Amino acid sequence: MNITEGQTVGVGIPIAVTFDRPVPSTERASVEGELKVTALGDGAEGSWSWVEDPALADGRRVDFRPRASWRPGTKVTVEVGSALTRHFTVGRSPIAASAPGG
């Protein structure tokens, strides 16, 4: 997983799970059923999608993206079956103002 235990992440980060071996397309829905995202204070509406990553074989990576950006302060738990659980917090959302005339 791209997120470490206890990490604070930005509001736009997807959750990426990478597998040791490719998951056949016929088994991907079943694998997605074993992936759970829970967000306290702000629901985890979103979806999983299989990513074509040029550095990996097809079927090795699946990403979760929330429907809208994560809300700052949200505490998220990700469960990958019974094998792995991670907790992370969404940090603040910095917004930079542009300079006058720019």
PDB file of N, CA and C in Angstrom:
ATOM      1  N   MET A   1       0.852  -1.173   0.000  1.00  0.00           N
ATOM      2  CA  MET A   1       0.000   0.000   0.000  1.00  0.00           C
ATOM      3  C   MET A   1       0.900   1.239   0.000  1.00  0.00           C
ATOM      4  N   ASN A   2       0.415   2.267  -0.650  1.00  0.00           N
ATOM      5  CA  ASN A   2       1.222   3.481  -0.777  1.00  0.00           C
ATOM      6  C   ASN A   2       1.195   4.364   0.469  1.00  0.00           C
ATOM      7  N   ILE A   3       0.399   4.008   1.457  1.00  0.00           N
ATOM      8  CA  ILE A   3       0.275   4.819   2.664  1.00  0.00           C
ATOM      9  C   ILE A   3       0.782   4.014   3.852  1.00  0.00           C
ATOM     10  N   THR A   4       1.604   4.653   4.676  1.00  0.00           N
ATOM     11  CA  THR A   4       2.139   3.970   5.849  1.00  0.00           C
ATOM     12  C   THR A   4       1.232   4.206   7.054  1.00  0.00           C
ATOM     13  N   GLU A   5       1.339   3.337   8.026  1.00  0.00           N
ATOM     14  CA  GLU A   5       0.535   3.434   9.250  1.00  0.00           C
ATOM     15  C   GLU A   5       0.767   4.781   9.931  1.00  0.00           C
ATOM     16  N   GLY A   6      -0.342   5.478  10.234  1.00  0.00           N
ATOM     17  CA  GLY A   6      -0.267   6.736  10.965  1.00  0.00           C
ATOM     18  C   GLY A   6       0.115   7.947  10.136  1.00  0.00           C
ATOM     19  N   GLN A   7       0.297   7.780   8.849  1.00  0.00           N
ATOM     20  CA  GLN A   7       0.726   8.874   7.980  1.00  0.00           C
ATOM     21  C   GLN A   7      -0.359   9.937   7.861  1.00  0.00           C
ATOM     22  N   THR A   8       0.050  11.178   7.633  1.00  0.00           N
ATOM     23  CA  THR A   8      -0.866  12.260   7.291  1.00  0.00           C
ATOM     24  C   THR A   8      -0.674  12.521   5.802  1.00  0.00           C
ATOM     25  N   VAL A   9      -1.787  12.521   5.055  1.00  0.00           N
ATOM     26  CA  VAL A   9      -1.714  12.649   3.599  1.00  0.00           C
ATOM     27  C   VAL A   9      -2.484  13.871   3.131  1.00  0.00           C
ATOM     28  N   GLY A  10      -2.302  14.221   1.876  1.00  0.00           N
ATOM     29  CA  GLY A  10      -3.010  15.338   1.278  1.00  0.00           C
ATOM     30  C   GLY A  10      -4.432  14.970   0.893  1.00  0.00           C
ATOM     31  N   VAL A  11      -5.239  15.975   0.623  1.00  0.00           N
ATOM     32  CA  VAL A  11      -6.660  15.772   0.337  1.00  0.00           C
ATOM     33  C   VAL A  11      -6.914  15.061  -0.993  1.00  0.00           C
ATOM     34  N   GLY A  12      -5.937  15.020  -1.870  1.00  0.00           N
ATOM     35  CA  GLY A  12      -6.154  14.431  -3.187  1.00  0.00           C
ATOM     36  C   GLY A  12      -5.524  13.069  -3.398  1.00  0.00           C
ATOM     37  N   ILE A  13      -4.932  12.485  -2.373  1.00  0.00           N
ATOM     38  CA  ILE A  13      -4.195  11.232  -2.564  1.00  0.00           C
ATOM     39  C   ILE A  13      -5.147  10.042  -2.747  1.00  0.00           C
ATOM     40  N   PRO A  14      -4.867   9.203  -3.749  1.00  0.00           N
ATOM     41  CA  PRO A  14      -5.618   7.957  -3.845  1.00  0.00           C
ATOM     42  C   PRO A  14      -4.978   6.914  -2.928  1.00  0.00           C
ATOM     43  N   ILE A  15      -5.716   5.885  -2.607  1.00  0.00           N
ATOM     44  CA  ILE A  15      -5.162   4.746  -1.880  1.00  0.00           C
ATOM     45  C   ILE A  15      -4.777   3.727  -2.937  1.00  0.00           C
ATOM     46  N   ALA A  16      -3.512   3.341  -3.005  1.00  0.00           N
ATOM     47  CA  ALA A  16      -3.048   2.380  -4.001  1.00  0.00           C
ATOM     48  C   ALA A  16      -2.623   1.086  -3.309  1.00  0.00           C
ATOM     49  N   VAL A  17      -3.165  -0.028  -3.779  1.00  0.00           N
ATOM     50  CA  VAL A  17      -2.786  -1.345  -3.275  1.00  0.00           C
ATOM     51  C   VAL A  17      -2.127  -2.093  -4.421  1.00  0.00           C
ATOM     52  N   THR A  18      -0.911  -2.568  -4.171  1.00  0.00           N
ATOM     53  CA  THR A  18      -0.163  -3.310  -5.181  1.00  0.00           C
ATOM     54  C   THR A  18       0.004  -4.745  -4.707  1.00  0.00           C
ATOM     55  N   PHE A  19      -0.245  -5.688  -5.601  1.00  0.00           N
ATOM     56  CA  PHE A  19      -0.176  -7.109  -5.283  1.00  0.00           C
ATOM     57  C   PHE A  19       1.119  -7.719  -5.796  1.00  0.00           C
ATOM     58  N   ASP A  20       1.555  -8.804  -5.142  1.00  0.00           N
ATOM     59  CA  ASP A  20       2.782  -9.498  -5.542  1.00  0.00           C
ATOM     60  C   ASP A  20       2.670 -10.095  -6.933  1.00  0.00           C
ATOM     61  N   ARG A  21       1.473 -10.570  -7.265  1.00  0.00           N
ATOM     62  CA  ARG A  21       1.229 -11.206  -8.567  1.00  0.00           C
ATOM     63  C   ARG A  21       0.027 -10.538  -9.221  1.00  0.00           C
ATOM     64  N   PRO A  22      -0.067 -10.600 -10.541  1.00  0.00           N
ATOM     65  CA  PRO A  22      -1.245 -10.042 -11.217  1.00  0.00           C
ATOM     66  C   PRO A  22      -2.526 -10.756 -10.783  1.00  0.00           C
ATOM     67  N   VAL A  23      -3.585  -9.979 -10.621  1.00  0.00           N
ATOM     68  CA  VAL A  23      -4.904 -10.524 -10.313  1.00  0.00           C
ATOM     69  C   VAL A  23      -5.640 -10.668 -11.644  1.00  0.00           C
ATOM     70  N   PRO A  24      -6.042 -11.889 -12.010  1.00  0.00           N
ATOM     71  CA  PRO A  24      -6.769 -12.073 -13.275  1.00  0.00           C
ATOM     72  C   PRO A  24      -8.053 -11.239 -13.303  1.00  0.00           C
ATOM     73  N   SER A  25      -8.413 -10.754 -14.472  1.00  0.00           N
ATOM     74  CA  SER A  25      -9.597  -9.896 -14.584  1.00  0.00           C
ATOM     75  C   SER A  25     -10.850 -10.589 -14.071  1.00  0.00           C
ATOM     76  N   THR A  26     -10.920 -11.901 -14.165  1.00  0.00           N
ATOM     77  CA  THR A  26     -12.090 -12.642 -13.689  1.00  0.00           C
ATOM     78  C   THR A  26     -12.185 -12.671 -12.161  1.00  0.00           C
ATOM     79  N   GLU A  27     -11.107 -12.331 -11.456  1.00  0.00           N
ATOM     80  CA  GLU A  27     -11.086 -12.374  -9.994  1.00  0.00           C
ATOM     81  C   GLU A  27     -11.068 -10.989  -9.353  1.00  0.00           C
ATOM     82  N   ARG A  28     -11.016  -9.947 -10.159  1.00  0.00           N
ATOM     83  CA  ARG A  28     -10.848  -8.592  -9.617  1.00  0.00           C
ATOM     84  C   ARG A  28     -12.039  -8.122  -8.788  1.00  0.00           C
ATOM     85  N   ALA A  29     -13.253  -8.432  -9.204  1.00  0.00           N
ATOM     86  CA  ALA A  29     -14.432  -8.028  -8.420  1.00  0.00           C
ATOM     87  C   ALA A  29     -14.396  -8.688  -7.047  1.00  0.00           C
ATOM     88  N   SER A  30     -13.977  -9.947  -6.995  1.00  0.00           N
ATOM     89  CA  SER A  30     -13.876 -10.656  -5.720  1.00  0.00           C
ATOM     90  C   SER A  30     -12.820 -10.016  -4.828  1.00  0.00           C
ATOM     91  N   VAL A  31     -11.699  -9.629  -5.416  1.00  0.00           N
ATOM     92  CA  VAL A  31     -10.629  -8.963  -4.653  1.00  0.00           C
ATOM     93  C   VAL A  31     -11.127  -7.623  -4.123  1.00  0.00           C
ATOM     94  N   GLU A  32     -11.820  -6.861  -4.951  1.00  0.00           N
ATOM     95  CA  GLU A  32     -12.350  -5.570  -4.505  1.00  0.00           C
ATOM     96  C   GLU A  32     -13.289  -5.748  -3.315  1.00  0.00           C
ATOM     97  N   GLY A  33     -14.002  -6.871  -3.271  1.00  0.00           N
ATOM     98  CA  GLY A  33     -14.897  -7.153  -2.154  1.00  0.00           C
ATOM     99  C   GLY A  33     -14.164  -7.345  -0.838  1.00  0.00           C
ATOM    100  N   GLU A  34     -12.858  -7.621  -0.904  1.00  0.00           N
ATOM    101  CA  GLU A  34     -12.030  -7.807   0.295  1.00  0.00           C
ATOM    102  C   GLU A  34     -11.330  -6.518   0.717  1.00  0.00           C
ATOM    103  N   LEU A  35     -11.537  -5.436  -0.029  1.00  0.00           N
ATOM    104  CA  LEU A  35     -10.904  -4.148   0.257  1.00  0.00           C
ATOM    105  C   LEU A  35     -11.952  -3.223   0.868  1.00  0.00           C
ATOM    106  N   LYS A  36     -11.654  -2.679   2.036  1.00  0.00           N
ATOM    107  CA  LYS A  36     -12.624  -1.847   2.739  1.00  0.00           C
ATOM    108  C   LYS A  36     -11.980  -0.533   3.160  1.00  0.00           C
ATOM    109  N   VAL A  37     -12.689   0.557   2.882  1.00  0.00           N
ATOM    110  CA  VAL A  37     -12.237   1.889   3.291  1.00  0.00           C
ATOM    111  C   VAL A  37     -13.311   2.476   4.189  1.00  0.00           C
ATOM    112  N   THR A  38     -12.912   2.897   5.396  1.00  0.00           N
ATOM    113  CA  THR A  38     -13.824   3.514   6.349  1.00  0.00           C
ATOM    114  C   THR A  38     -13.251   4.871   6.728  1.00  0.00           C
ATOM    115  N   ALA A  39     -14.079   5.899   6.632  1.00  0.00           N
ATOM    116  CA  ALA A  39     -13.632   7.247   6.991  1.00  0.00           C
ATOM    117  C   ALA A  39     -14.516   7.778   8.104  1.00  0.00           C
ATOM    118  N   LEU A  40     -13.898   8.173   9.220  1.00  0.00           N
ATOM    119  CA  LEU A  40     -14.649   8.728  10.350  1.00  0.00           C
ATOM    120  C   LEU A  40     -14.869  10.219  10.134  1.00  0.00           C
ATOM    121  N   GLY A  41     -16.091  10.630  10.296  1.00  0.00           N
ATOM    122  CA  GLY A  41     -16.409  12.051  10.186  1.00  0.00           C
ATOM    123  C   GLY A  41     -16.780  12.470   8.776  1.00  0.00           C
ATOM    124  N   ASP A  42     -16.438  11.665   7.794  1.00  0.00           N
ATOM    125  CA  ASP A  42     -16.751  12.009   6.412  1.00  0.00           C
ATOM    126  C   ASP A  42     -16.745  10.712   5.624  1.00  0.00           C
ATOM    127  N   GLY A  43     -17.890  10.260   5.184  1.00  0.00           N
ATOM    128  CA  GLY A  43     -18.008   8.974   4.490  1.00  0.00           C
ATOM    129  C   GLY A  43     -16.937   8.740   3.449  1.00  0.00           C
ATOM    130  N   ALA A  44     -16.723   7.491   3.156  1.00  0.00           N
ATOM    131  CA  ALA A  44     -15.697   7.113   2.182  1.00  0.00           C
ATOM    132  C   ALA A  44     -16.356   6.735   0.871  1.00  0.00           C
ATOM    133  N   GLU A  45     -17.207   7.605   0.360  1.00  0.00           N
ATOM    134  CA  GLU A  45     -17.814   7.318  -0.928  1.00  0.00           C
ATOM    135  C   GLU A  45     -16.752   7.445  -1.998  1.00  0.00           C
ATOM    136  N   GLY A  46     -16.634   6.426  -2.777  1.00  0.00           N
ATOM    137  CA  GLY A  46     -15.642   6.418  -3.829  1.00  0.00           C
ATOM    138  C   GLY A  46     -15.650   5.052  -4.482  1.00  0.00           C
ATOM    139  N   SER A  47     -14.622   4.760  -5.246  1.00  0.00           N
ATOM    140  CA  SER A  47     -14.588   3.467  -5.916  1.00  0.00           C
ATOM    141  C   SER A  47     -13.154   3.024  -6.164  1.00  0.00           C
ATOM    142  N   TRP A  48     -13.029   1.716  -6.361  1.00  0.00           N
ATOM    143  CA  TRP A  48     -11.754   1.103  -6.711  1.00  0.00           C
ATOM    144  C   TRP A  48     -11.668   1.008  -8.223  1.00  0.00           C
ATOM    145  N   SER A  49     -10.486   1.209  -8.770  1.00  0.00           N
ATOM    146  CA  SER A  49     -10.278   1.002 -10.204  1.00  0.00           C
ATOM    147  C   SER A  49      -8.879   0.432 -10.416  1.00  0.00           C
ATOM    148  N   TRP A  50      -8.785  -0.486 -11.360  1.00  0.00           N
ATOM    149  CA  TRP A  50      -7.518  -1.136 -11.672  1.00  0.00           C
ATOM    150  C   TRP A  50      -6.712  -0.213 -12.567  1.00  0.00           C
ATOM    151  N   VAL A  51      -5.462  -0.020 -12.209  1.00  0.00           N
ATOM    152  CA  VAL A  51      -4.603   0.967 -12.852  1.00  0.00           C
ATOM    153  C   VAL A  51      -3.585   0.274 -13.751  1.00  0.00           C
ATOM    154  N   GLU A  52      -3.440   0.800 -14.952  1.00  0.00           N
ATOM    155  CA  GLU A  52      -2.374   0.329 -15.833  1.00  0.00           C
ATOM    156  C   GLU A  52      -1.131   1.136 -15.487  1.00  0.00           C
ATOM    157  N   ASP A  53      -0.209   0.488 -14.816  1.00  0.00           N
ATOM    158  CA  ASP A  53       1.031   1.123 -14.372  1.00  0.00           C
ATOM    159  C   ASP A  53       2.155   0.566 -15.229  1.00  0.00           C
ATOM    160  N   PRO A  54       2.851   1.406 -15.992  1.00  0.00           N
ATOM    161  CA  PRO A  54       3.905   0.910 -16.877  1.00  0.00           C
ATOM    162  C   PRO A  54       5.025   0.170 -16.139  1.00  0.00           C
ATOM    163  N   ALA A  55       5.153   0.402 -14.845  1.00  0.00           N
ATOM    164  CA  ALA A  55       6.214  -0.258 -14.068  1.00  0.00           C
ATOM    165  C   ALA A  55       5.774  -1.632 -13.544  1.00  0.00           C
ATOM    166  N   LEU A  56       4.476  -1.961 -13.712  1.00  0.00           N
ATOM    167  CA  LEU A  56       3.944  -3.206 -13.161  1.00  0.00           C
ATOM    168  C   LEU A  56       3.173  -3.979 -14.228  1.00  0.00           C
ATOM    169  N   ALA A  57       3.036  -5.276 -14.039  1.00  0.00           N
ATOM    170  CA  ALA A  57       2.202  -6.089 -14.913  1.00  0.00           C
ATOM    171  C   ALA A  57       0.737  -5.718 -14.693  1.00  0.00           C
ATOM    172  N   ASP A  58      -0.069  -5.861 -15.740  1.00  0.00           N
ATOM    173  CA  ASP A  58      -1.491  -5.577 -15.633  1.00  0.00           C
ATOM    174  C   ASP A  58      -2.117  -6.407 -14.514  1.00  0.00           C
ATOM    175  N   GLY A  59      -2.967  -5.766 -13.714  1.00  0.00           N
ATOM    176  CA  GLY A  59      -3.649  -6.470 -12.644  1.00  0.00           C
ATOM    177  C   GLY A  59      -2.914  -6.509 -11.322  1.00  0.00           C
ATOM    178  N   ARG A  60      -1.838  -5.737 -11.211  1.00  0.00           N
ATOM    179  CA  ARG A  60      -1.101  -5.733  -9.946  1.00  0.00           C
ATOM    180  C   ARG A  60      -1.439  -4.553  -9.055  1.00  0.00           C
ATOM    181  N   ARG A  61      -2.145  -3.539  -9.592  1.00  0.00           N
ATOM    182  CA  ARG A  61      -2.424  -2.353  -8.778  1.00  0.00           C
ATOM    183  C   ARG A  61      -3.886  -1.928  -8.925  1.00  0.00           C
ATOM    184  N   VAL A  62      -4.498  -1.624  -7.782  1.00  0.00           N
ATOM    185  CA  VAL A  62      -5.852  -1.094  -7.758  1.00  0.00           C
ATOM    186  C   VAL A  62      -5.845   0.140  -6.848  1.00  0.00           C
ATOM    187  N   ASP A  63      -6.522   1.191  -7.285  1.00  0.00           N
ATOM    188  CA  ASP A  63      -6.572   2.455  -6.536  1.00  0.00           C
ATOM    189  C   ASP A  63      -7.990   2.742  -6.077  1.00  0.00           C
ATOM    190  N   PHE A  64      -8.101   3.339  -4.876  1.00  0.00           N
ATOM    191  CA  PHE A  64      -9.370   3.864  -4.385  1.00  0.00           C
ATOM    192  C   PHE A  64      -9.286   5.378  -4.459  1.00  0.00           C
ATOM    193  N   ARG A  65     -10.274   5.970  -5.094  1.00  0.00           N
ATOM    194  CA  ARG A  65     -10.369   7.429  -5.131  1.00  0.00           C
ATOM    195  C   ARG A  65     -11.722   7.835  -4.572  1.00  0.00           C
ATOM    196  N   PRO A  66     -11.702   8.758  -3.612  1.00  0.00           N
ATOM    197  CA  PRO A  66     -12.987   9.238  -3.098  1.00  0.00           C
ATOM    198  C   PRO A  66     -13.706  10.039  -4.186  1.00  0.00           C
ATOM    199  N   ARG A  67     -15.035  10.068  -4.098  1.00  0.00           N
ATOM    200  CA  ARG A  67     -15.841  10.799  -5.084  1.00  0.00           C
ATOM    201  C   ARG A  67     -15.440  12.274  -5.137  1.00  0.00           C
ATOM    202  N   ALA A  68     -15.184  12.854  -3.966  1.00  0.00           N
ATOM    203  CA  ALA A  68     -14.695  14.231  -3.855  1.00  0.00           C
ATOM    204  C   ALA A  68     -13.398  14.158  -3.049  1.00  0.00           C
ATOM    205  N   SER A  69     -12.657  15.219  -3.025  1.00  0.00           N
ATOM    206  CA  SER A  69     -11.415  15.226  -2.240  1.00  0.00           C
ATOM    207  C   SER A  69     -11.707  14.859  -0.790  1.00  0.00           C
ATOM    208  N   TRP A  70     -10.727  14.209  -0.156  1.00  0.00           N
ATOM    209  CA  TRP A  70     -10.859  13.923   1.272  1.00  0.00           C
ATOM    210  C   TRP A  70     -11.007  15.249   2.014  1.00  0.00           C
ATOM    211  N   ARG A  71     -11.750  15.256   3.101  1.00  0.00           N
ATOM    212  CA  ARG A  71     -11.858  16.456   3.930  1.00  0.00           C
ATOM    213  C   ARG A  71     -10.715  16.476   4.923  1.00  0.00           C
ATOM    214  N   PRO A  72     -10.082  17.631   5.119  1.00  0.00           N
ATOM    215  CA  PRO A  72      -9.022  17.732   6.113  1.00  0.00           C
ATOM    216  C   PRO A  72      -9.520  17.272   7.480  1.00  0.00           C
ATOM    217  N   GLY A  73      -8.681  16.519   8.182  1.00  0.00           N
ATOM    218  CA  GLY A  73      -9.016  16.021   9.503  1.00  0.00           C
ATOM    219  C   GLY A  73      -9.685  14.660   9.506  1.00  0.00           C
ATOM    220  N   THR A  74     -10.062  14.167   8.329  1.00  0.00           N
ATOM    221  CA  THR A  74     -10.718  12.859   8.247  1.00  0.00           C
ATOM    222  C   THR A  74      -9.742  11.760   8.648  1.00  0.00           C
ATOM    223  N   LYS A  75     -10.202  10.840   9.461  1.00  0.00           N
ATOM    224  CA  LYS A  75      -9.400   9.681   9.863  1.00  0.00           C
ATOM    225  C   LYS A  75      -9.903   8.491   9.054  1.00  0.00           C
ATOM    226  N   VAL A  76      -8.989   7.834   8.346  1.00  0.00           N
ATOM    227  CA  VAL A  76      -9.349   6.771   7.413  1.00  0.00           C
ATOM    228  C   VAL A  76      -8.696   5.454   7.828  1.00  0.00           C
ATOM    229  N   THR A  77      -9.451   4.377   7.691  1.00  0.00           N
ATOM    230  CA  THR A  77      -8.940   3.027   7.908  1.00  0.00           C
ATOM    231  C   THR A  77      -9.112   2.258   6.607  1.00  0.00           C
ATOM    232  N   VAL A  78      -8.050   1.569   6.191  1.00  0.00           N
ATOM    233  CA  VAL A  78      -8.089   0.732   4.995  1.00  0.00           C
ATOM    234  C   VAL A  78      -7.781  -0.695   5.409  1.00  0.00           C
ATOM    235  N   GLU A  79      -8.643  -1.611   5.002  1.00  0.00           N
ATOM    236  CA  GLU A  79      -8.438  -3.029   5.289  1.00  0.00           C
ATOM    237  C   GLU A  79      -8.280  -3.772   3.973  1.00  0.00           C
ATOM    238  N   VAL A  80      -7.201  -4.540   3.870  1.00  0.00           N
ATOM    239  CA  VAL A  80      -6.946  -5.384   2.704  1.00  0.00           C
ATOM    240  C   VAL A  80      -7.140  -6.819   3.193  1.00  0.00           C
ATOM    241  N   GLY A  81      -8.391  -7.281   3.112  1.00  0.00           N
ATOM    242  CA  GLY A  81      -8.724  -8.584   3.684  1.00  0.00           C
ATOM    243  C   GLY A  81      -8.344  -8.594   5.157  1.00  0.00           C
ATOM    244  N   SER A  82      -7.879  -9.744   5.622  1.00  0.00           N
ATOM    245  CA  SER A  82      -7.435  -9.831   7.015  1.00  0.00           C
ATOM    246  C   SER A  82      -5.922  -9.671   7.123  1.00  0.00           C
ATOM    247  N   ALA A  83      -5.265  -9.455   5.986  1.00  0.00           N
ATOM    248  CA  ALA A  83      -3.806  -9.422   5.950  1.00  0.00           C
ATOM    249  C   ALA A  83      -3.192  -8.080   6.332  1.00  0.00           C
ATOM    250  N   LEU A  84      -3.911  -6.977   6.094  1.00  0.00           N
ATOM    251  CA  LEU A  84      -3.288  -5.671   6.272  1.00  0.00           C
ATOM    252  C   LEU A  84      -4.339  -4.628   6.624  1.00  0.00           C
ATOM    253  N   THR A  85      -4.042  -3.831   7.642  1.00  0.00           N
ATOM    254  CA  THR A  85      -4.890  -2.695   8.000  1.00  0.00           C
ATOM    255  C   THR A  85      -3.994  -1.490   8.191  1.00  0.00           C
ATOM    256  N   ARG A  86      -4.404  -0.365   7.627  1.00  0.00           N
ATOM    257  CA  ARG A  86      -3.659   0.885   7.794  1.00  0.00           C
ATOM    258  C   ARG A  86      -4.631   1.975   8.210  1.00  0.00           C
ATOM    259  N   HIS A  87      -4.117   2.883   9.048  1.00  0.00           N
ATOM    260  CA  HIS A  87      -4.869   4.052   9.490  1.00  0.00           C
ATOM    261  C   HIS A  87      -4.094   5.290   9.062  1.00  0.00           C
ATOM    262  N   PHE A  88      -4.802   6.269   8.538  1.00  0.00           N
ATOM    263  CA  PHE A  88      -4.130   7.529   8.194  1.00  0.00           C
ATOM    264  C   PHE A  88      -5.089   8.688   8.419  1.00  0.00           C
ATOM    265  N   THR A  89      -4.532   9.880   8.430  1.00  0.00           N
ATOM    266  CA  THR A  89      -5.301  11.106   8.637  1.00  0.00           C
ATOM    267  C   THR A  89      -5.088  12.007   7.441  1.00  0.00           C
ATOM    268  N   VAL A  90      -6.137  12.701   7.044  1.00  0.00           N
ATOM    269  CA  VAL A  90      -6.031  13.660   5.954  1.00  0.00           C
ATOM    270  C   VAL A  90      -5.639  15.007   6.540  1.00  0.00           C
ATOM    271  N   GLY A  91      -4.565  15.575   6.007  1.00  0.00           N
ATOM    272  CA  GLY A  91      -4.061  16.860   6.492  1.00  0.00           C
ATOM    273  C   GLY A  91      -4.847  18.029   5.919  1.00  0.00           C
ATOM    274  N   ARG A  92      -4.353  19.193   6.227  1.00  0.00           N
ATOM    275  CA  ARG A  92      -5.035  20.403   5.762  1.00  0.00           C
ATOM    276  C   ARG A  92      -4.893  20.544   4.247  1.00  0.00           C
ATOM    277  N   SER A  93      -5.726  21.379   3.684  1.00  0.00           N
ATOM    278  CA  SER A  93      -5.736  21.615   2.248  1.00  0.00           C
ATOM    279  C   SER A  93      -5.175  23.001   1.969  1.00  0.00           C
ATOM    280  N   PRO A  94      -3.881  23.087   1.664  1.00  0.00           N
ATOM    281  CA  PRO A  94      -3.308  24.415   1.417  1.00  0.00           C
ATOM    282  C   PRO A  94      -3.811  24.991   0.094  1.00  0.00           C
ATOM    283  N   ILE A  95      -4.181  26.251   0.127  1.00  0.00           N
ATOM    284  CA  ILE A  95      -4.619  26.946  -1.081  1.00  0.00           C
ATOM    285  C   ILE A  95      -3.752  28.177  -1.212  1.00  0.00           C
ATOM    286  N   ALA A  96      -3.087  28.274  -2.335  1.00  0.00           N
ATOM    287  CA  ALA A  96      -2.204  29.413  -2.573  1.00  0.00           C
ATOM    288  C   ALA A  96      -2.935  30.481  -3.367  1.00  0.00           C
ATOM    289  N   ALA A  97      -2.797  31.693  -2.918  1.00  0.00           N
ATOM    290  CA  ALA A  97      -3.395  32.823  -3.646  1.00  0.00           C
ATOM    291  C   ALA A  97      -2.401  33.291  -4.702  1.00  0.00           C
ATOM    292  N   SER A  98      -2.918  33.663  -5.831  1.00  0.00           N
ATOM    293  CA  SER A  98      -2.025  34.162  -6.877  1.00  0.00           C
ATOM    294  C   SER A  98      -1.712  35.631  -6.613  1.00  0.00           C
ATOM    295  N   ALA A  99      -0.564  36.024  -7.083  1.00  0.00           N
ATOM    296  CA  ALA A  99      -0.140  37.413  -6.926  1.00  0.00           C
ATOM    297  C   ALA A  99      -0.972  38.301  -7.840  1.00  0.00           C
ATOM    298  N   PRO A 100      -1.167  39.555  -7.468  1.00  0.00           N
ATOM    299  CA  PRO A 100      -1.918  40.472  -8.326  1.00  0.00           C
ATOM    300  C   PRO A 100      -1.311  40.509  -9.724  1.00  0.00           C
ATOM    301  N   GLY A 101      -2.180  40.438 -10.713  1.00  0.00           N
ATOM    302  CA  GLY A 101      -1.724  40.501 -12.107  1.00  0.00           C
ATOM    303  C   GLY A 101      -1.156  39.183 -12.597  1.00  0.00           C
ATOM    304  N   GLY A 102      -1.214  38.101 -11.779  1.00  0.00           N
ATOM    305  CA  GLY A 102      -0.592  36.866 -12.204  1.00  0.00           C
ATOM    306  C   GLY A 102      -1.513  35.772 -12.125  1.00  0.00           C
TER     307      GLY A 102
END
